[in-house]
């Protein structure tokens, strides 16, 4: 039987392989991705993850007690700083109330408010991601081709690379369909709290052939959705 954590690892490996192919293709086209070690501006952006990713991240962090303690301390600091941003705090409460699926305009406003608040990811440690190997899909798929210093100026200043594959959406669907996880989106700093509140999720499992079937279905659904979105964009 395949556990939730095993399927999460399978998704992560697949996403990394596809991302590597895409980055190599960009390099061959002469497009240079400028992200590198020590870049951390994107760690001040609103990062949204699936419940499946939250459990995988929590499992990795709890294996390292020292890291877990440092992350917990920074998460407490994050919450304290959030209290000094009442409008952002209100928006995040609204975000949770709609299970992480706000209307587009409200979602954009939340992203901007979060960026302007200066809040940093609790997993950021000495200008580096302390959980880089286990980072969420949104982080894995985020690259820019513009000078790194632009990332510190404003949210829309950098030029994003075409590396978004929406594996978070696939992870959400697999979590709901295969393991009965809630259909919701979480803000990254609250991932560990969510995992602690739902330990029963990690004991769930699915037959390997069923996992493969669902992954195949999920990829097809995702590809169709992305094609539709891209087609609508060209039509506009």
Protein backbone atom coordinates (compact mmCIF):
# COMPACT_ATOMS: atom_id res chain seq x y z
CA UNK A 1 0.00 0.00 0.00
CA UNK A 2 1.15 3.56 -0.68
CA UNK A 3 0.98 6.02 2.19
CA UNK A 4 0.21 9.69 1.94
CA UNK A 5 3.85 10.55 2.55
CA UNK A 6 5.06 8.12 -0.12
CA UNK A 7 2.74 9.62 -2.71
CA UNK A 8 3.88 13.11 -1.73
CA UNK A 9 7.49 12.06 -2.31
CA UNK A 10 6.56 10.57 -5.67
CA UNK A 11 4.91 13.83 -6.71
CA UNK A 12 7.94 15.81 -5.54
CA UNK A 13 10.36 13.64 -7.54
CA UNK A 14 8.20 13.92 -10.64
CA UNK A 15 7.90 17.68 -10.31
CA UNK A 16 11.67 18.03 -9.90
CA UNK A 17 12.34 15.95 -13.01
CA UNK A 18 9.92 17.98 -15.10
CA UNK A 19 11.29 21.21 -13.68
CA UNK A 20 14.83 20.18 -14.57
CA UNK A 21 13.77 19.48 -18.16
CA UNK A 22 12.06 22.84 -18.37
CA UNK A 23 15.07 24.72 -17.00
CA UNK A 24 17.38 22.93 -19.43
CA UNK A 25 15.07 23.88 -22.29
CA UNK A 26 15.11 27.53 -21.21
CA UNK A 27 18.92 27.49 -21.07
CA UNK A 28 19.09 26.07 -24.60
CA UNK A 29 16.85 28.92 -25.74
CA UNK A 30 19.27 31.41 -24.22
CA UNK A 31 17.00 32.36 -21.32
CA UNK A 32 18.92 32.50 -18.05
CA UNK A 33 17.23 31.84 -14.72
CA UNK A 34 18.88 34.20 -12.23
CA UNK A 35 17.70 32.58 -8.99
CA UNK A 36 20.49 31.21 -6.83
CA UNK A 37 21.67 30.34 -3.35
CA UNK A 38 21.19 33.27 -1.01
CA UNK A 39 18.23 34.71 -2.94
CA UNK A 40 15.46 35.19 -0.40
CA UNK A 41 13.15 37.99 -1.58
CA UNK A 42 10.52 35.50 -2.70
CA UNK A 43 10.43 34.22 0.91
CA UNK A 44 8.49 37.38 1.71
CA UNK A 45 5.70 36.45 -0.67
CA UNK A 46 2.46 34.73 0.23
CA UNK A 47 3.06 30.99 -0.35
CA UNK A 48 0.01 28.75 -0.49
CA UNK A 49 0.25 24.98 -0.15
CA UNK A 50 -1.95 21.89 -0.22
CA UNK A 51 -2.71 19.73 2.82
CA UNK A 52 -0.66 16.92 1.27
CA UNK A 53 2.39 19.21 1.17
CA UNK A 54 1.78 20.33 4.74
CA UNK A 55 2.01 16.77 6.00
CA UNK A 56 5.12 16.00 3.96
CA UNK A 57 6.80 19.16 5.21
CA UNK A 58 5.85 18.46 8.83
CA UNK A 59 7.22 14.91 8.59
CA UNK A 60 10.57 16.24 7.34
CA UNK A 61 10.82 18.93 10.01
CA UNK A 62 9.95 16.65 12.92
CA UNK A 63 12.84 14.35 11.96
CA UNK A 64 15.19 17.19 12.98
CA UNK A 65 14.30 18.37 16.51
CA UNK A 66 16.74 21.30 16.46
CA UNK A 67 15.30 22.57 13.18
CA UNK A 68 11.76 22.03 14.46
CA UNK A 69 12.52 24.19 17.48
CA UNK A 70 13.94 27.01 15.40
CA UNK A 71 11.04 26.92 12.97
CA UNK A 72 8.56 26.97 15.85
CA UNK A 73 10.27 30.02 17.35
CA UNK A 74 10.16 31.85 14.03
CA UNK A 75 6.52 30.86 13.54
CA UNK A 76 5.66 32.41 16.91
CA UNK A 77 7.47 35.55 15.80
CA UNK A 78 5.55 35.49 12.51
CA UNK A 79 2.25 35.37 14.40
CA UNK A 80 3.31 38.21 16.68
CA UNK A 81 4.28 40.36 13.71
CA UNK A 82 0.97 39.52 12.03
CA UNK A 83 -0.85 41.05 15.00
CA UNK A 84 0.78 44.37 14.09
CA UNK A 85 -0.86 44.13 10.65
CA UNK A 86 -4.59 44.14 11.46
CA UNK A 87 -5.75 44.54 7.85
CA UNK A 88 -3.59 41.63 6.69
CA UNK A 89 -4.71 39.56 9.68
CA UNK A 90 -8.31 40.20 8.66
CA UNK A 91 -7.61 39.19 5.07
CA UNK A 92 -5.96 35.95 6.17
CA UNK A 93 -8.98 35.15 8.34
CA UNK A 94 -11.17 35.66 5.27
CA UNK A 95 -8.80 33.43 3.29
CA UNK A 96 -9.22 30.65 5.84
CA UNK A 97 -12.99 31.14 5.93
CA UNK A 98 -13.23 30.32 2.20
CA UNK A 99 -10.83 27.37 2.57
CA UNK A 100 -8.09 29.21 0.71
CA UNK A 101 -10.14 29.87 -2.42
CA UNK A 102 -10.80 33.63 -2.42
CA UNK A 103 -12.22 35.51 -5.35
CA UNK A 104 -9.44 36.57 -7.76
CA UNK A 105 -9.55 40.23 -6.79
CA UNK A 106 -9.38 39.46 -3.08
CA UNK A 107 -6.60 36.96 -3.67
CA UNK A 108 -4.53 39.53 -5.54
CA UNK A 109 -5.10 42.09 -2.80
CA UNK A 110 -4.02 39.56 -0.17
CA UNK A 111 -0.82 38.77 -2.07
CA UNK A 112 0.01 42.47 -2.30
CA UNK A 113 -0.80 43.16 1.35
CA UNK A 114 1.31 40.21 2.46
CA UNK A 115 4.30 41.36 0.42
CA UNK A 116 4.04 44.92 1.70
CA UNK A 117 3.90 43.73 5.32
CA UNK A 118 7.49 42.46 5.19
CA UNK A 119 6.62 39.17 6.90
CA UNK A 120 9.19 36.47 6.17
CA UNK A 121 8.74 32.73 5.90
CA UNK A 122 9.48 30.93 9.20
CA UNK A 123 11.48 28.37 7.22
CA UNK A 124 13.93 31.04 6.06
CA UNK A 125 17.18 30.71 7.98
CA UNK A 126 20.28 32.85 7.38
CA UNK A 127 19.02 33.87 3.93
CA UNK A 128 18.45 30.25 2.90
CA UNK A 129 15.54 27.83 2.93
CA UNK A 130 15.99 25.47 5.88
CA UNK A 131 13.71 22.88 4.22
CA UNK A 132 14.90 23.33 0.64
CA UNK A 133 14.73 19.64 -0.27
CA UNK A 134 11.14 19.52 1.00
CA UNK A 135 9.99 23.00 -0.09
CA UNK A 136 6.44 23.41 -1.44
CA UNK A 137 5.58 23.17 -5.13
CA UNK A 138 4.91 26.91 -5.32
CA UNK A 139 8.54 27.51 -4.31
CA UNK A 140 9.89 24.77 -6.58
CA UNK A 141 8.15 26.31 -9.57
CA UNK A 142 9.08 29.95 -8.89
CA UNK A 143 11.97 31.30 -10.98
CA UNK A 144 12.80 34.64 -12.56
CA UNK A 145 14.94 35.69 -15.50
CA UNK A 146 15.41 39.31 -14.45
CA UNK A 147 18.24 40.67 -12.25
CA UNK A 148 17.84 39.32 -8.68
CA UNK A 149 17.88 42.81 -7.17
CA UNK A 150 14.52 43.54 -8.83
CA UNK A 151 12.91 40.91 -6.61
CA UNK A 152 13.44 43.19 -3.61
CA UNK A 153 11.81 46.24 -5.19
CA UNK A 154 8.16 45.29 -5.58
CA UNK A 155 6.00 42.26 -6.16
CA UNK A 156 5.61 42.70 -9.93
CA UNK A 157 9.11 43.98 -10.69
CA UNK A 158 10.77 40.64 -11.59
CA UNK A 159 10.22 38.77 -14.86
CA UNK A 160 8.88 35.30 -14.05
CA UNK A 161 10.22 32.31 -15.95
CA UNK A 162 7.66 29.97 -17.59
CA UNK A 163 8.22 27.28 -14.96
CA UNK A 164 4.85 27.14 -13.25
CA UNK A 165 3.40 23.62 -13.49
CA UNK A 166 0.73 23.85 -10.79
CA UNK A 167 1.73 20.67 -8.97
CA UNK A 168 0.09 22.17 -5.89
CA UNK A 169 -3.25 21.79 -7.69
CA UNK A 170 -2.41 18.18 -8.51
CA UNK A 171 -1.34 17.52 -4.90
CA UNK A 172 -4.62 18.96 -3.64
CA UNK A 173 -6.68 16.76 -5.96
CA UNK A 174 -4.69 13.63 -5.09
CA UNK A 175 -5.03 14.42 -1.38
CA UNK A 176 -8.80 14.78 -1.63
CA UNK A 177 -9.40 11.86 -4.00
CA UNK A 178 -6.95 9.28 -2.66
CA UNK A 179 -6.74 10.13 1.03
CA UNK A 180 -9.86 12.09 1.92
CA UNK A 181 -7.95 15.23 2.85
CA UNK A 182 -9.89 18.51 3.01
CA UNK A 183 -10.14 20.46 -0.23
CA UNK A 184 -8.44 23.59 1.03
CA UNK A 185 -5.33 25.73 0.60
CA UNK A 186 -3.08 26.74 3.48
CA UNK A 187 -0.62 29.57 4.01
CA UNK A 188 2.85 28.09 4.42
CA UNK A 189 3.57 29.39 7.98
CA UNK A 190 0.52 27.46 9.20
CA UNK A 191 1.51 24.14 7.61
CA UNK A 192 2.95 22.51 10.71
CA UNK A 193 -0.02 23.55 12.85
CA UNK A 194 -2.39 21.96 10.33
CA UNK A 195 -0.37 18.72 10.29
CA UNK A 196 -0.30 18.54 14.09
CA UNK A 197 -4.06 19.02 14.21
CA UNK A 198 -4.67 16.12 11.80
CA UNK A 199 -2.23 13.28 12.62
CA UNK A 200 -4.77 10.73 11.42
CA UNK A 201 -4.19 11.79 7.81
CA UNK A 202 -0.72 10.24 7.65
CA UNK A 203 -2.02 6.78 8.54
CA UNK A 204 -4.17 6.62 5.44
CA UNK A 205 -3.04 4.62 2.44
CA UNK A 206 -4.06 3.58 -1.05
CA UNK A 207 -3.20 0.62 -3.27
CA UNK A 208 -0.17 1.39 -5.49
CA UNK A 209 -2.10 0.70 -8.69
CA UNK A 210 -4.86 3.05 -7.52
CA UNK A 211 -2.25 5.71 -6.74
CA UNK A 212 -0.79 5.37 -10.24
CA UNK A 213 -4.24 5.58 -11.78
CA UNK A 214 -5.12 8.71 -9.83
CA UNK A 215 -1.80 10.36 -10.65
CA UNK A 216 -2.43 9.70 -14.33
CA UNK A 217 -5.95 11.10 -14.11
CA UNK A 218 -4.72 14.09 -12.16
CA UNK A 219 -2.05 14.93 -14.71
CA UNK A 220 -4.60 14.80 -17.52
CA UNK A 221 -7.03 17.00 -15.61
CA UNK A 222 -4.28 19.48 -14.83
CA UNK A 223 -3.04 19.57 -18.44
CA UNK A 224 -6.57 20.17 -19.71
CA UNK A 225 -7.15 22.97 -17.20
CA UNK A 226 -3.86 24.68 -18.05
CA UNK A 227 -4.60 24.41 -21.78
CA UNK A 228 -7.97 26.04 -21.21
CA UNK A 229 -6.44 28.86 -19.16
CA UNK A 230 -3.70 29.49 -21.72
CA UNK A 231 -6.21 29.41 -24.55
CA UNK A 232 -8.43 31.94 -22.77
CA UNK A 233 -5.41 34.15 -22.24
CA UNK A 234 -4.50 34.13 -25.91
CA UNK A 235 -8.10 34.79 -26.84
CA UNK A 236 -8.13 37.88 -24.64
